[in-house]
Amino acid sequence: MTKLPFSSVTLFVTTLTLLSFILSSPSLTHALGSGSTLAIISATSTVCGLVSSQPTQSITCYRRTPMEGIITVQPNVSFSSISGGSTFFCGLRSGGYAFLCWDTRNLPFDSQRVYINNTVFLQNLSVGDDQVCAVVNDTLSVNKTGTVRCWRGDGNISNQSPSDGDKYKSISSGFGFSCGILMESNRIKCWGKDTIAREIERGFGDMEMLSLEVGGLHACGVNSSGLLVCRGDESLGQLNVPSNNVLEYSQLALGDNHSCAIRKNNGSVVCWGGDGEYNVNEIQGVFFESIVSGSNFTCGLVSLNFSVMCWGPGWPNGSGTQLPLGEVLPGPCVQSSCSECGFGLISRSSTIRRQSSRAMRRQRSGTSSKHADRAEEFSLAELAAVTNNFSLENKIGAGSFGVVYRGKLRDGREVAIKRGETGQKMKKFQEKESAFDSELGDDNGGTPTSIVDFAVPKIMVNELGKILDPRVGPPELNEAEAVELVGYTAMHCVNLEGKDRPTMTDIVGNLERALSLCDGSHGSISSGTISIISD
């Protein structure tokens, strides 16, 4: 990655703040699953989404009962994902440095900042009925990255966290338990309510998984062969997948006793379980970008116009109608973790992301890429199949870092796929780079000092004065905090590992914060007595 120059930077570290977020005991209705751009809070019949087409990815909600209407959620700042519980939902700030939760039982929604830390970031926020979990991305400790932290809403520390040594690619939460895909083995591990957690974990056994979604007392996911697998409670048919071809489904959403999935080839939705009550006749002919489930209904983001549509027995007299939420962001803006393997840079879930052509339109979110449509995922096996196992006949070009192959997807679309080089070409490139560095070195054989090597060590020890340009003069009080935030962001942009660098969405979110600090608008929320206790 190109090393980024910056003139005024320092490390701004905010210690973890835990407030007392006392929520009620869990209701019989609850939303389930993983973080998304949509969230369902079943007990209050509330659906929330991240706003698209606006300067910030803020949250707006629609509540059916007891008083129907649109609710603007404060603070008006950017979030990367949201996830719903029984009576509350939580949102992860862009950049992953903080998350907030809102109680939806009263208007306006009471908001409290539960977590903030400018070195230990979070990702993959997941809310069950009364627990909140997230995957750690620690910028100062590689050993902690991938571990999971959990919080509860009853004010007491619980045992609902996995063991400290385990590292996870992704997690999902259900009714009193959570499960995740282990980073090293791709196997499923669960924690929380002992009986169901052990049952689901044993059910998946040694199976390697690409994705996982948790429902009330069951879980489903796509395994490494591309088949959908469900385990756990099957009392109402929630494990009985109607059809199961390889790579047939792209996304899952699970409720108390039902399951839904998006068909990968066209974006249509199929549901099963729930004793046959989850009829999708109301949404026939409608195609979806993403779906989420609550206790007894499901909502989806329509591909045509990014509106939200809900259906199911828990959403009567309105199933199949669009909610007045406006356009919702079509997918979470999160950091992709990649690692080097035999076929080049493959994502840690063994998938590669590319731009979808299903919704060929500009995503107009102010803090997202201005030309980014929803990213689709393809397994390594599928990419090998469409390129004839990366054959020479499909080769269309080559560069310093890899070879480009022509491929044709199952739906007829032609794509270009780049496979990373780890052989002789890469070695020659590295030799040329080393020779170039030698030419720039001093007479004693040393290497040139980059601005990154000069500045980052000083940022780490808060020596701001040694980095600032003295000709500019010292910053004002509000400017100093903004400068710290910009410098802190720049420091993480030059991390050696790609998985440790922020995404463009994260960067823009931090720049928005810095600008608001200079303008004197902090976008802060009131500090109260509410918190969720960290395990």
Protein backbone atom coordinates (compact mmCIF):
# COMPACT_ATOMS: atom_id res chain seq x y z
CA MET A 1 0.00 0.00 0.00
CA THR A 2 1.23 3.54 -0.77
CA LYS A 3 2.60 5.17 2.34
CA LEU A 4 0.57 8.22 3.21
CA PRO A 5 2.27 11.49 4.19
CA PHE A 6 0.73 13.65 6.86
CA SER A 7 2.00 16.68 8.71
CA SER A 8 0.06 16.90 11.96
CA VAL A 9 -0.83 13.67 13.66
CA THR A 10 -1.05 12.16 17.12
CA LEU A 11 -2.62 9.18 18.72
CA PHE A 12 -5.89 9.89 20.43
CA VAL A 13 -6.74 7.08 22.81
CA THR A 14 -10.06 7.02 24.59
CA THR A 15 -10.39 4.48 27.37
CA LEU A 16 -13.27 2.05 27.42
CA THR A 17 -16.31 3.54 29.10
CA LEU A 18 -18.90 1.21 30.53
CA LEU A 19 -22.16 2.73 31.66
CA SER A 20 -24.98 0.89 33.44
CA PHE A 21 -27.38 0.00 30.62
CA ILE A 22 -30.17 -1.76 32.50
CA LEU A 23 -32.70 -3.30 30.16
CA SER A 24 -35.78 -5.27 31.05
CA SER A 25 -35.80 -9.05 31.27
CA PRO A 26 -36.02 -10.68 27.83
CA SER A 27 -39.36 -10.68 26.11
CA LEU A 28 -40.79 -13.67 24.31
CA THR A 29 -40.36 -11.75 21.09
CA HIS A 30 -36.96 -10.80 19.85
CA ALA A 31 -34.94 -10.01 16.78
CA LEU A 32 -32.08 -12.26 15.88
CA GLY A 33 -28.95 -12.66 13.80
CA SER A 34 -26.02 -10.54 12.71
CA GLY A 35 -25.33 -6.88 11.99
CA SER A 36 -26.81 -5.45 8.79
CA THR A 37 -28.18 -2.19 7.42
CA LEU A 38 -31.63 -3.28 8.64
CA ALA A 39 -32.71 -4.22 12.16
CA ILE A 40 -35.95 -5.54 13.64
CA ILE A 41 -37.07 -4.95 17.23
CA SER A 42 -40.00 -7.37 17.45
CA ALA A 43 -41.48 -6.49 20.85
CA THR A 44 -42.24 -2.94 19.67
CA SER A 45 -42.89 -3.80 15.98
CA THR A 46 -40.04 -1.50 14.97
CA VAL A 47 -37.91 -1.67 11.82
CA CYS A 48 -34.78 0.48 11.49
CA GLY A 49 -32.40 1.11 8.61
CA LEU A 50 -29.26 3.03 7.67
CA VAL A 51 -30.21 5.98 5.48
CA SER A 52 -28.90 6.13 1.92
CA SER A 53 -28.63 9.22 -0.31
CA GLN A 54 -27.62 11.42 2.63
CA PRO A 55 -24.31 12.98 3.77
CA THR A 56 -24.28 10.64 6.79
CA GLN A 57 -25.31 6.99 7.19
CA SER A 58 -27.66 7.84 10.05
CA ILE A 59 -30.49 5.66 11.40
CA THR A 60 -34.21 6.07 10.80
CA CYS A 61 -36.95 3.80 12.17
CA TYR A 62 -40.57 2.92 11.48
CA ARG A 63 -42.80 1.72 14.35
CA ARG A 64 -46.25 0.20 13.84
CA THR A 65 -47.48 0.07 17.43
CA PRO A 66 -48.70 1.64 19.60
CA MET A 67 -48.40 4.74 17.43
CA GLU A 68 -47.45 4.33 13.78
CA GLY A 69 -44.85 6.68 12.38
CA ILE A 70 -41.29 7.49 11.32
CA ILE A 71 -38.74 8.05 14.08
CA THR A 72 -35.49 9.91 13.50
CA VAL A 73 -32.77 8.40 15.67
CA GLN A 74 -30.20 10.60 17.38
CA PRO A 75 -27.32 11.27 17.14
CA ASN A 76 -27.29 12.11 13.44
CA VAL A 77 -23.92 10.49 12.67
CA SER A 78 -22.69 7.66 10.44
CA PHE A 79 -23.03 4.00 11.36
CA SER A 80 -21.66 0.95 9.58
CA SER A 81 -24.24 -1.60 10.80
CA ILE A 82 -27.16 -2.12 13.18
CA SER A 83 -28.68 -5.15 14.91
CA GLY A 84 -31.91 -5.61 16.88
CA GLY A 85 -32.82 -7.30 20.18
CA SER A 86 -36.05 -7.80 22.12
CA THR A 87 -36.81 -4.19 23.03
CA PHE A 88 -33.59 -2.49 21.98
CA PHE A 89 -31.19 -2.26 19.07
CA CYS A 90 -27.55 -1.27 18.73
CA GLY A 91 -25.51 0.50 16.07
CA LEU A 92 -21.79 0.29 15.32
CA ARG A 93 -20.24 3.66 14.46
CA SER A 94 -18.38 3.97 11.15
CA GLY A 95 -14.81 3.01 11.92
CA GLY A 96 -15.80 0.52 14.62
CA TYR A 97 -14.48 2.62 17.50
CA ALA A 98 -17.84 2.84 19.34
CA PHE A 99 -21.34 1.44 19.50
CA LEU A 100 -24.58 2.82 20.89
CA CYS A 101 -27.86 1.19 21.90
CA TRP A 102 -31.44 2.51 21.94
CA ASP A 103 -34.43 1.46 24.04
CA THR A 104 -37.47 1.49 21.72
CA ARG A 105 -40.22 1.18 24.34
CA ASN A 106 -40.66 4.94 24.71
CA LEU A 107 -40.50 7.96 22.40
CA PRO A 108 -38.07 9.43 21.67
CA PHE A 109 -35.76 6.42 21.79
CA ASP A 110 -33.35 6.64 24.72
CA SER A 111 -29.78 6.33 23.42
CA GLN A 112 -26.65 5.48 25.34
CA ARG A 113 -23.08 5.01 24.21
CA VAL A 114 -22.05 1.59 25.49
CA TYR A 115 -18.52 1.28 24.12
CA ILE A 116 -15.83 3.64 22.86
CA ASN A 117 -12.15 2.90 22.29
CA ASN A 118 -9.90 4.44 19.67
CA THR A 119 -7.44 1.55 19.53
CA VAL A 120 -9.58 -1.53 20.10
CA PHE A 121 -12.11 -1.43 17.27
CA LEU A 122 -15.17 -3.66 16.90
CA GLN A 123 -16.77 -5.29 13.88
CA ASN A 124 -19.59 -7.76 13.14
CA LEU A 125 -21.92 -6.40 15.85
CA SER A 126 -24.53 -9.05 16.70
CA VAL A 127 -27.56 -8.66 19.00
CA GLY A 128 -29.61 -11.58 20.32
CA ASP A 129 -32.63 -11.32 22.58
CA ASP A 130 -30.71 -9.84 25.52
CA GLN A 131 -27.03 -10.11 24.62
CA VAL A 132 -24.71 -8.07 22.41
CA CYS A 133 -21.50 -9.48 20.95
CA ALA A 134 -18.86 -8.14 18.57
CA VAL A 135 -15.56 -9.26 17.04
CA VAL A 136 -12.49 -7.34 18.23
CA ASN A 137 -10.12 -5.61 15.81
CA ASP A 138 -7.30 -4.50 18.11
CA THR A 139 -4.92 -2.18 16.26
CA LEU A 140 -2.23 -2.57 18.93
CA SER A 141 -2.40 -6.33 19.53
CA VAL A 142 -2.66 -8.85 16.71
CA ASN A 143 -3.26 -11.59 19.30
CA LYS A 144 -6.54 -9.98 20.37
CA THR A 145 -7.86 -9.35 16.86
CA GLY A 146 -10.61 -11.85 16.10
CA THR A 147 -11.57 -12.46 19.72
CA VAL A 148 -15.16 -11.81 20.80
CA ARG A 149 -16.55 -9.52 23.49
CA CYS A 150 -20.10 -9.80 24.80
CA TRP A 151 -22.33 -7.56 26.90
CA ARG A 152 -25.68 -8.16 28.60
CA GLY A 153 -28.66 -6.02 29.37
CA ASP A 154 -29.39 -7.12 32.94
CA GLY A 155 -26.53 -5.25 34.58
CA ASN A 156 -24.66 -8.40 35.60
CA ILE A 157 -21.51 -9.94 34.16
CA SER A 158 -22.36 -13.33 32.68
CA ASN A 159 -20.61 -16.29 31.13
CA GLN A 160 -21.88 -15.48 27.65
CA SER A 161 -18.50 -14.99 26.04
CA PRO A 162 -16.36 -17.58 24.28
CA SER A 163 -12.95 -18.54 25.63
CA ASP A 164 -10.27 -15.87 25.28
CA GLY A 165 -8.04 -17.86 22.94
CA ASP A 166 -10.66 -18.40 20.22
CA LYS A 167 -10.66 -16.13 17.17
CA TYR A 168 -13.66 -15.71 14.88
CA LYS A 169 -14.34 -14.63 11.32
CA SER A 170 -17.99 -13.86 12.01
CA ILE A 171 -20.62 -14.30 14.73
CA SER A 172 -24.41 -14.38 15.02
CA SER A 173 -26.74 -14.33 18.04
CA GLY A 174 -30.01 -16.04 18.95
CA PHE A 175 -32.23 -16.57 21.98
CA GLY A 176 -29.72 -16.49 24.84
CA PHE A 177 -26.78 -17.89 22.88
CA SER A 178 -24.38 -16.96 20.10
CA CYS A 179 -22.30 -18.89 17.56
CA GLY A 180 -19.37 -18.04 15.33
CA ILE A 181 -17.08 -19.38 12.62
CA LEU A 182 -13.57 -20.02 13.96
CA MET A 183 -10.84 -18.23 12.05
CA GLU A 184 -8.38 -21.11 11.76
CA SER A 185 -10.64 -24.12 11.20
CA ASN A 186 -13.83 -22.58 9.72
CA ARG A 187 -15.78 -24.69 12.22
CA ILE A 188 -18.73 -23.59 14.34
CA LYS A 189 -18.43 -22.84 18.04
CA CYS A 190 -21.32 -21.68 20.25
CA TRP A 191 -21.63 -20.18 23.73
CA GLY A 192 -24.43 -19.04 26.03
CA LYS A 193 -27.39 -21.26 26.95
CA ASP A 194 -25.56 -24.52 27.45
CA THR A 195 -28.13 -26.99 26.12
CA ILE A 196 -28.94 -25.43 22.76
CA ALA A 197 -25.43 -24.05 22.27
CA ARG A 198 -23.91 -27.52 22.70
CA GLU A 199 -26.59 -29.13 20.53
CA ILE A 200 -25.97 -26.77 17.61
CA GLU A 201 -22.19 -26.98 17.94
CA ARG A 202 -22.33 -30.79 17.95
CA GLY A 203 -24.72 -30.73 15.01
CA PHE A 204 -22.25 -28.90 12.79
CA GLY A 205 -19.36 -31.01 14.11
CA ASP A 206 -16.20 -30.77 12.03
CA MET A 207 -17.99 -29.25 9.04
CA GLU A 208 -16.19 -26.25 7.54
CA MET A 209 -18.52 -23.29 7.02
CA LEU A 210 -18.46 -20.21 4.80
CA SER A 211 -21.36 -18.39 6.50
CA LEU A 212 -23.61 -18.71 9.54
CA GLU A 213 -26.87 -17.17 10.75
CA VAL A 214 -28.54 -17.89 14.10
CA GLY A 215 -32.27 -17.95 14.85
CA GLY A 216 -34.31 -18.57 17.98
CA LEU A 217 -33.05 -22.06 18.78
CA HIS A 218 -31.50 -23.04 15.46
CA ALA A 219 -28.75 -22.00 13.07
CA CYS A 220 -28.15 -22.27 9.33
CA GLY A 221 -25.16 -21.63 7.10
CA VAL A 222 -23.47 -22.43 3.82
CA ASN A 223 -20.70 -25.02 4.10
CA SER A 224 -17.46 -25.17 2.11
CA SER A 225 -19.20 -27.27 -0.55
CA GLY A 226 -21.77 -24.53 -1.16
CA LEU A 227 -24.69 -26.40 0.43
CA LEU A 228 -27.07 -24.90 2.99
CA VAL A 229 -26.97 -26.73 6.33
CA CYS A 230 -29.29 -26.16 9.34
CA ARG A 231 -28.97 -27.53 12.88
CA GLY A 232 -30.81 -27.17 16.20
CA ASP A 233 -34.52 -27.19 17.01
CA GLU A 234 -36.67 -28.53 14.16
CA SER A 235 -40.06 -28.63 15.91
CA LEU A 236 -41.79 -26.48 13.25
CA GLY A 237 -39.80 -27.43 10.16
CA GLN A 238 -37.26 -24.62 10.40
CA LEU A 239 -34.44 -26.99 9.38
CA ASN A 240 -36.21 -28.40 6.32
CA VAL A 241 -34.67 -26.47 3.42
CA PRO A 242 -37.08 -26.77 0.44
CA SER A 243 -34.31 -27.14 -2.16
CA ASN A 244 -30.57 -27.24 -1.76
CA ASN A 245 -28.43 -26.91 -4.85
CA VAL A 246 -24.77 -25.92 -4.64
CA LEU A 247 -24.36 -22.14 -4.19
CA GLU A 248 -28.12 -21.63 -4.47
CA TYR A 249 -28.43 -19.16 -1.59
CA SER A 250 -26.55 -15.93 -0.91
CA GLN A 251 -28.00 -14.69 2.41
CA LEU A 252 -30.03 -16.06 5.32
CA ALA A 253 -32.37 -14.61 7.95
CA LEU A 254 -33.68 -16.73 10.84
CA GLY A 255 -36.48 -16.04 13.33
CA ASP A 256 -37.83 -17.90 16.36
CA ASN A 257 -38.99 -20.91 14.37
CA HIS A 258 -38.66 -19.99 10.70
CA SER A 259 -35.89 -19.51 8.18
CA CYS A 260 -35.61 -17.45 4.99
CA ALA A 261 -32.96 -17.20 2.28
CA ILE A 262 -32.22 -15.15 -0.84
CA ARG A 263 -31.70 -17.14 -4.02
CA LYS A 264 -28.37 -16.12 -5.48
CA ASN A 265 -29.38 -16.31 -9.14
CA ASN A 266 -32.19 -13.75 -9.05
CA GLY A 267 -32.64 -12.27 -5.56
CA SER A 268 -36.00 -13.92 -4.85
CA VAL A 269 -36.75 -15.11 -1.30
CA VAL A 270 -37.85 -18.52 -0.04
CA CYS A 271 -38.99 -19.20 3.55
CA TRP A 272 -39.65 -22.42 5.45
CA GLY A 273 -40.61 -23.55 8.96
CA GLY A 274 -43.00 -21.70 11.25
CA ASP A 275 -45.57 -24.47 10.74
CA GLY A 276 -46.18 -23.22 7.20
CA GLU A 277 -47.25 -19.69 8.21
CA TYR A 278 -44.47 -17.89 6.33
CA ASN A 279 -46.07 -17.71 2.92
CA VAL A 280 -44.12 -15.61 0.43
CA ASN A 281 -47.03 -15.09 -2.00
CA GLU A 282 -47.11 -11.41 -1.01
CA ILE A 283 -43.58 -10.93 -2.31
CA GLN A 284 -43.70 -13.06 -5.45
CA GLY A 285 -41.84 -11.27 -8.24
CA VAL A 286 -39.96 -9.02 -5.79
CA PHE A 287 -36.17 -9.30 -5.60
CA PHE A 288 -34.11 -8.41 -2.55
CA GLU A 289 -30.62 -7.17 -1.73
CA SER A 290 -30.73 -8.32 1.91
CA ILE A 291 -33.15 -9.72 4.50
CA VAL A 292 -33.41 -9.75 8.31
CA SER A 293 -35.78 -11.64 10.61
CA GLY A 294 -37.44 -10.81 13.89
CA SER A 295 -39.35 -13.14 16.16
CA ASN A 296 -42.23 -13.84 13.79
CA PHE A 297 -41.75 -11.75 10.66
CA THR A 298 -39.07 -10.95 8.10
CA CYS A 299 -38.14 -7.75 6.28
CA GLY A 300 -36.11 -7.26 3.13
CA LEU A 301 -34.41 -4.50 1.16
CA VAL A 302 -35.94 -4.37 -2.33
CA SER A 303 -33.39 -4.34 -5.16
CA LEU A 304 -35.51 -2.11 -7.39
CA ASN A 305 -35.54 0.98 -5.19
CA PHE A 306 -33.85 0.11 -1.86
CA SER A 307 -37.18 0.33 -0.03
CA VAL A 308 -38.11 -2.02 2.85
CA MET A 309 -40.86 -4.65 2.70
CA CYS A 310 -42.02 -6.94 5.55
CA TRP A 311 -44.09 -10.13 5.68
CA GLY A 312 -45.07 -12.94 8.06
CA PRO A 313 -47.67 -13.67 10.77
CA GLY A 314 -46.14 -11.06 13.06
CA TRP A 315 -46.71 -8.35 10.43
CA PRO A 316 -50.42 -8.79 9.61
CA ASN A 317 -52.60 -6.47 7.49
CA GLY A 318 -49.60 -5.06 5.74
CA SER A 319 -47.50 -7.94 4.52
CA GLY A 320 -45.95 -7.22 1.17
CA THR A 321 -46.34 -3.43 1.39
CA GLN A 322 -43.38 -1.06 1.36
CA LEU A 323 -42.50 0.78 4.56
CA PRO A 324 -42.17 4.60 4.44
CA LEU A 325 -38.49 4.49 5.41
CA GLY A 326 -37.13 5.86 2.17
CA GLU A 327 -33.95 4.47 0.62
CA VAL A 328 -31.86 2.25 2.89
CA LEU A 329 -28.18 1.49 2.37
CA PRO A 330 -27.99 -1.83 0.47
CA GLY A 331 -25.17 -3.39 2.48
CA PRO A 332 -22.95 -2.90 5.52
CA CYS A 333 -19.86 -0.76 4.95
CA VAL A 334 -17.31 -2.92 6.76
CA GLN A 335 -13.65 -3.75 6.50
CA SER A 336 -12.83 -6.86 4.45
CA SER A 337 -10.25 -9.13 6.06
CA CYS A 338 -8.01 -10.82 3.52
CA SER A 339 -5.16 -13.28 3.71
CA GLU A 340 -2.73 -14.69 1.21
CA CYS A 341 -3.36 -18.20 -0.09
CA GLY A 342 -2.70 -20.36 -3.12
CA PHE A 343 -4.94 -18.44 -5.46
CA GLY A 344 -3.86 -14.98 -4.36
CA LEU A 345 -5.79 -12.68 -2.06
CA ILE A 346 -8.93 -14.52 -0.99
CA SER A 347 -11.23 -13.21 1.74
CA ARG A 348 -11.16 -15.02 5.06
CA SER A 349 -14.59 -16.47 4.38
CA SER A 350 -13.09 -18.02 1.22
CA THR A 351 -15.03 -15.60 -0.96
CA ILE A 352 -14.19 -12.79 -3.34
CA ARG A 353 -16.38 -9.70 -3.58
CA ARG A 354 -17.28 -8.02 -6.85
CA GLN A 355 -19.79 -5.45 -7.96
CA SER A 356 -23.31 -6.66 -8.67
CA SER A 357 -25.08 -5.92 -11.91
CA ARG A 358 -28.48 -6.84 -10.52
CA ALA A 359 -29.09 -3.32 -9.26
CA MET A 360 -27.22 -1.26 -11.85
CA ARG A 361 -27.56 2.09 -10.21
CA ARG A 362 -25.40 4.51 -8.27
CA GLN A 363 -25.39 4.09 -4.53
CA ARG A 364 -25.82 7.61 -3.34
CA SER A 365 -24.71 7.33 0.28
CA GLY A 366 -22.55 10.28 1.14
CA THR A 367 -20.04 8.26 3.12
CA SER A 368 -19.89 5.25 0.85
CA SER A 369 -18.21 4.85 -2.48
CA LYS A 370 -20.14 6.94 -4.95
CA HIS A 371 -20.08 4.18 -7.56
CA ALA A 372 -20.50 1.10 -5.38
CA ASP A 373 -23.39 -1.28 -5.88
CA ARG A 374 -24.00 -4.21 -3.57
CA ALA A 375 -21.07 -6.62 -3.46
CA GLU A 376 -21.75 -10.24 -4.31
CA GLU A 377 -19.72 -13.13 -2.96
CA PHE A 378 -18.23 -16.08 -4.84
CA SER A 379 -16.47 -19.10 -3.43
CA LEU A 380 -13.02 -20.05 -4.63
CA ALA A 381 -14.47 -23.24 -6.11
CA GLU A 382 -16.99 -21.26 -8.17
CA LEU A 383 -14.32 -18.91 -9.51
CA ALA A 384 -12.17 -21.87 -10.48
CA ALA A 385 -15.14 -23.44 -12.27
CA VAL A 386 -16.01 -20.36 -14.36
CA THR A 387 -12.37 -19.94 -15.44
CA ASN A 388 -11.87 -23.61 -16.33
CA ASN A 389 -9.62 -23.99 -13.29
CA PHE A 390 -7.71 -20.81 -14.22
CA SER A 391 -6.65 -22.32 -17.55
CA LEU A 392 -4.31 -20.68 -20.07
CA GLU A 393 -7.19 -20.48 -22.55
CA ASN A 394 -8.97 -18.10 -20.17
CA LYS A 395 -5.94 -15.90 -19.52
CA ILE A 396 -6.42 -12.35 -20.81
CA GLY A 397 -3.57 -10.46 -19.16
CA ALA A 398 -0.86 -10.37 -16.50
CA GLY A 399 0.86 -7.82 -14.29
CA SER A 400 3.33 -7.54 -11.45
CA PHE A 401 0.93 -8.95 -8.88
CA GLY A 402 -1.04 -11.57 -10.78
CA VAL A 403 -2.82 -12.94 -13.83
CA VAL A 404 -6.28 -11.88 -15.07
CA TYR A 405 -8.66 -14.56 -16.35
CA ARG A 406 -11.90 -14.37 -18.30
CA GLY A 407 -14.87 -16.11 -16.70
CA LYS A 408 -18.55 -16.59 -17.44
CA LEU A 409 -20.96 -16.83 -14.52
CA ARG A 410 -23.95 -19.16 -14.39
CA ASP A 411 -26.31 -16.31 -15.31
CA GLY A 412 -24.28 -15.52 -18.45
CA ARG A 413 -22.39 -12.47 -17.20
CA GLU A 414 -18.76 -12.25 -18.30
CA VAL A 415 -16.28 -11.13 -15.65
CA ALA A 416 -12.54 -10.64 -15.24
CA ILE A 417 -10.96 -12.43 -12.27
CA LYS A 418 -7.49 -11.66 -10.97
CA ARG A 419 -5.41 -14.41 -9.38
CA GLY A 420 -2.50 -13.32 -7.20
CA GLU A 421 1.02 -14.48 -8.00
CA THR A 422 3.16 -16.04 -5.28
CA GLY A 423 5.84 -17.50 -7.55
CA GLN A 424 8.80 -16.31 -9.64
CA LYS A 425 7.15 -13.12 -10.93
CA MET A 426 6.45 -11.90 -7.43
CA LYS A 427 10.03 -12.72 -6.42
CA LYS A 428 11.42 -10.71 -9.36
CA PHE A 429 9.19 -7.77 -8.48
CA GLN A 430 10.41 -7.83 -4.88
CA GLU A 431 14.03 -7.97 -6.10
CA LYS A 432 13.47 -4.88 -8.27
CA GLU A 433 11.90 -3.08 -5.32
CA SER A 434 14.86 -4.00 -3.12
CA ALA A 435 17.32 -2.73 -5.75
CA PHE A 436 15.43 0.56 -5.97
CA ASP A 437 15.58 0.98 -2.18
CA SER A 438 19.32 0.31 -2.26
CA GLU A 439 19.84 3.12 -4.75
CA LEU A 440 18.08 5.51 -2.38
CA GLY A 441 20.06 4.39 0.66
CA ASP A 442 22.91 6.38 2.21
CA ASP A 443 26.60 5.59 1.79
CA ASN A 444 26.64 3.50 4.96
CA GLY A 445 24.10 1.07 3.59
CA GLY A 446 21.12 2.46 5.46
CA THR A 447 17.65 2.80 4.02
CA PRO A 448 15.84 6.10 3.45
CA THR A 449 13.52 7.15 6.25
CA SER A 450 9.94 7.49 5.09
CA ILE A 451 7.55 9.94 6.66
CA VAL A 452 5.68 6.95 8.08
CA ASP A 453 8.80 5.64 9.83
CA PHE A 454 9.43 9.17 11.11
CA ALA A 455 5.94 10.01 12.32
CA VAL A 456 4.29 6.83 13.60
CA PRO A 457 6.67 6.20 16.54
CA LYS A 458 6.06 9.76 17.71
CA ILE A 459 2.31 9.34 17.38
CA MET A 460 2.48 6.25 19.55
CA VAL A 461 4.05 8.23 22.42
CA ASN A 462 1.90 11.35 21.95
CA GLU A 463 4.78 13.59 20.84
CA LEU A 464 2.57 15.82 18.74
CA GLY A 465 4.89 18.82 18.92
CA LYS A 466 7.63 16.98 17.05
CA ILE A 467 5.35 16.33 14.08
CA LEU A 468 3.40 19.56 13.68
CA ASP A 469 4.69 22.12 11.18
CA PRO A 470 5.94 25.01 13.39
CA ARG A 471 5.24 27.54 10.61
CA VAL A 472 1.51 26.94 10.95
CA GLY A 473 1.30 27.65 14.66
CA PRO A 474 -0.39 25.63 17.39
CA PRO A 475 -3.99 24.53 16.76
CA GLU A 476 -6.93 25.91 18.68
CA LEU A 477 -8.58 23.69 21.29
CA ASN A 478 -11.27 22.31 19.00
CA GLU A 479 -8.80 22.04 16.11
CA ALA A 480 -6.37 20.02 18.23
CA GLU A 481 -8.88 17.23 18.76
CA ALA A 482 -9.72 17.20 15.05
CA VAL A 483 -6.02 17.06 14.13
CA GLU A 484 -5.55 14.16 16.54
CA LEU A 485 -8.40 12.25 14.92
CA VAL A 486 -7.09 12.82 11.39
CA GLY A 487 -3.59 11.78 12.40
CA TYR A 488 -4.88 8.74 14.24
CA THR A 489 -6.78 7.69 11.12
CA ALA A 490 -3.71 8.21 8.92
CA MET A 491 -1.61 6.09 11.25
CA HIS A 492 -3.94 3.14 10.84
CA CYS A 493 -4.06 3.61 7.07
CA VAL A 494 -0.40 2.59 6.87
CA ASN A 495 -0.64 -0.61 8.92
CA LEU A 496 1.33 -3.39 7.24
CA GLU A 497 -1.55 -5.88 7.20
CA GLY A 498 -4.53 -5.04 5.02
CA LYS A 499 -6.88 -6.48 7.62
CA ASP A 500 -5.67 -3.83 10.08
CA ARG A 501 -6.36 -0.87 7.79
CA PRO A 502 -9.66 1.07 7.82
CA THR A 503 -11.96 1.03 4.80
CA MET A 504 -12.71 4.17 2.82
CA THR A 505 -16.07 4.32 4.61
CA ASP A 506 -14.30 4.29 7.97
CA ILE A 507 -11.89 7.00 6.81
CA VAL A 508 -14.69 9.24 5.56
CA GLY A 509 -16.58 8.71 8.81
CA ASN A 510 -13.57 9.86 10.84
CA LEU A 511 -13.02 12.86 8.57
CA GLU A 512 -16.67 13.80 9.10
CA ARG A 513 -16.09 13.69 12.85
CA ALA A 514 -12.96 15.82 12.53
CA LEU A 515 -14.80 18.40 10.45
CA SER A 516 -17.65 18.55 12.94
CA LEU A 517 -15.12 19.12 15.73
CA CYS A 518 -13.65 22.08 13.84
CA ASP A 519 -17.17 23.42 13.31
CA GLY A 520 -17.89 23.05 17.01
CA SER A 521 -20.56 20.37 16.47
CA HIS A 522 -19.48 17.22 18.27
CA GLY A 523 -22.56 15.15 17.52
CA SER A 524 -22.34 13.83 21.06
CA ILE A 525 -25.06 12.15 23.05
CA SER A 526 -25.98 12.58 26.65
CA SER A 527 -24.18 10.49 29.19
CA GLY A 528 -26.56 8.69 31.47
CA THR A 529 -26.68 5.81 33.84
CA ILE A 530 -27.33 3.19 31.20
CA SER A 531 -24.67 0.72 30.09
CA ILE A 532 -24.15 -2.88 29.11
CA ILE A 533 -21.64 -4.72 31.24
CA SER A 534 -18.63 -6.20 29.44
CA ASP A 535 -17.90 -9.88 29.94
